[in-house]
Protein backbone atom coordinates (compact mmCIF):
# COMPACT_ATOMS: atom_id res chain seq x y z
CA UNK A 1 108.43 145.96 58.11
CA UNK A 2 111.32 147.30 55.89
CA UNK A 3 114.81 148.11 57.06
CA UNK A 4 116.39 150.70 55.33
CA UNK A 5 120.37 150.63 55.79
CA UNK A 6 122.90 153.52 54.27
CA UNK A 7 126.68 152.56 55.74
CA UNK A 8 130.01 152.61 54.94
CA UNK A 9 132.39 149.95 56.43
CA UNK A 10 135.71 148.90 55.80
CA UNK A 11 137.14 145.92 57.28
CA UNK A 12 141.30 145.97 57.93
CA UNK A 13 143.17 149.12 58.73
CA UNK A 14 145.94 150.97 58.06
CA UNK A 15 149.20 149.74 59.16
CA UNK A 16 150.18 152.29 62.14
CA UNK A 17 146.21 151.37 63.32
CA UNK A 18 144.31 148.41 65.33
CA UNK A 19 141.36 149.25 63.93
CA UNK A 20 139.64 146.39 62.33
CA UNK A 21 136.04 147.60 61.46
CA UNK A 22 134.80 151.35 60.65
CA UNK A 23 131.77 151.87 60.51
CA UNK A 24 130.28 155.01 59.53
CA UNK A 25 126.38 154.84 59.63
CA UNK A 26 124.70 157.59 58.42
CA UNK A 27 121.14 156.16 58.36
CA UNK A 28 119.54 153.47 59.73
CA UNK A 29 116.04 153.17 59.83
CA UNK A 30 113.58 150.52 61.89
CA UNK A 31 110.50 150.57 59.43
CA UNK A 32 110.19 154.05 58.98
CA UNK A 33 111.41 155.37 61.63
CA UNK A 34 114.83 156.60 61.66
CA UNK A 35 116.81 155.34 64.26
CA UNK A 36 120.09 155.86 64.08
CA UNK A 37 122.13 158.97 62.28
CA UNK A 38 125.15 159.91 62.06
CA UNK A 39 127.04 157.40 63.91
CA UNK A 40 130.91 156.73 63.82
CA UNK A 41 132.50 153.68 65.39
CA UNK A 42 135.41 151.96 65.10
CA UNK A 43 136.34 148.40 66.55
CA UNK A 44 139.60 148.04 67.74
CA UNK A 45 142.12 144.70 67.00
CA UNK A 46 142.05 142.87 70.83
CA UNK A 47 139.58 144.80 72.22
CA UNK A 48 136.13 144.37 73.84
CA UNK A 49 133.32 146.95 72.56
CA UNK A 50 129.75 147.11 73.48
CA UNK A 51 126.71 149.32 72.83
CA UNK A 52 125.54 151.02 76.38
CA UNK A 53 122.71 153.65 75.83
CA UNK A 54 119.51 153.90 77.36
CA UNK A 55 115.95 151.55 75.54
CA UNK A 56 115.11 153.18 72.48
CA UNK A 57 118.09 154.35 71.28
CA UNK A 58 119.20 152.14 68.78
CA UNK A 59 121.78 150.00 70.14
CA UNK A 60 119.95 146.83 68.62
CA UNK A 61 118.91 148.22 65.38
CA UNK A 62 122.96 149.25 64.79
CA UNK A 63 123.94 145.85 65.85
CA UNK A 64 121.54 144.06 63.23
CA UNK A 65 122.44 146.38 60.79
CA UNK A 66 125.88 145.12 60.97
CA UNK A 67 125.05 141.69 60.21
CA UNK A 68 122.08 141.96 57.94
CA UNK A 69 119.28 140.84 61.06
CA UNK A 70 116.76 143.72 60.30
CA UNK A 71 116.76 142.24 56.65
CA UNK A 72 114.59 138.82 58.27
CA UNK A 73 111.97 141.29 60.42
CA UNK A 74 108.37 141.32 59.20
CA UNK A 75 105.72 143.80 59.28
């Protein structure tokens, strides 16, 4: 299974914010399934960030796409 991820991220932020990762996910595919679309997550310095949602909503897919673990999924 091949995963197609289209994302825009930037590490670091403007001096007036404490955002260290700004992640804009346009489309994240898990195989041929569109798992996540039009999502925006800001990770702030010193904050604990969690992904909460129902089973199958794309939490793990988003996290795997950020560290490229989806590239390792065979299908």
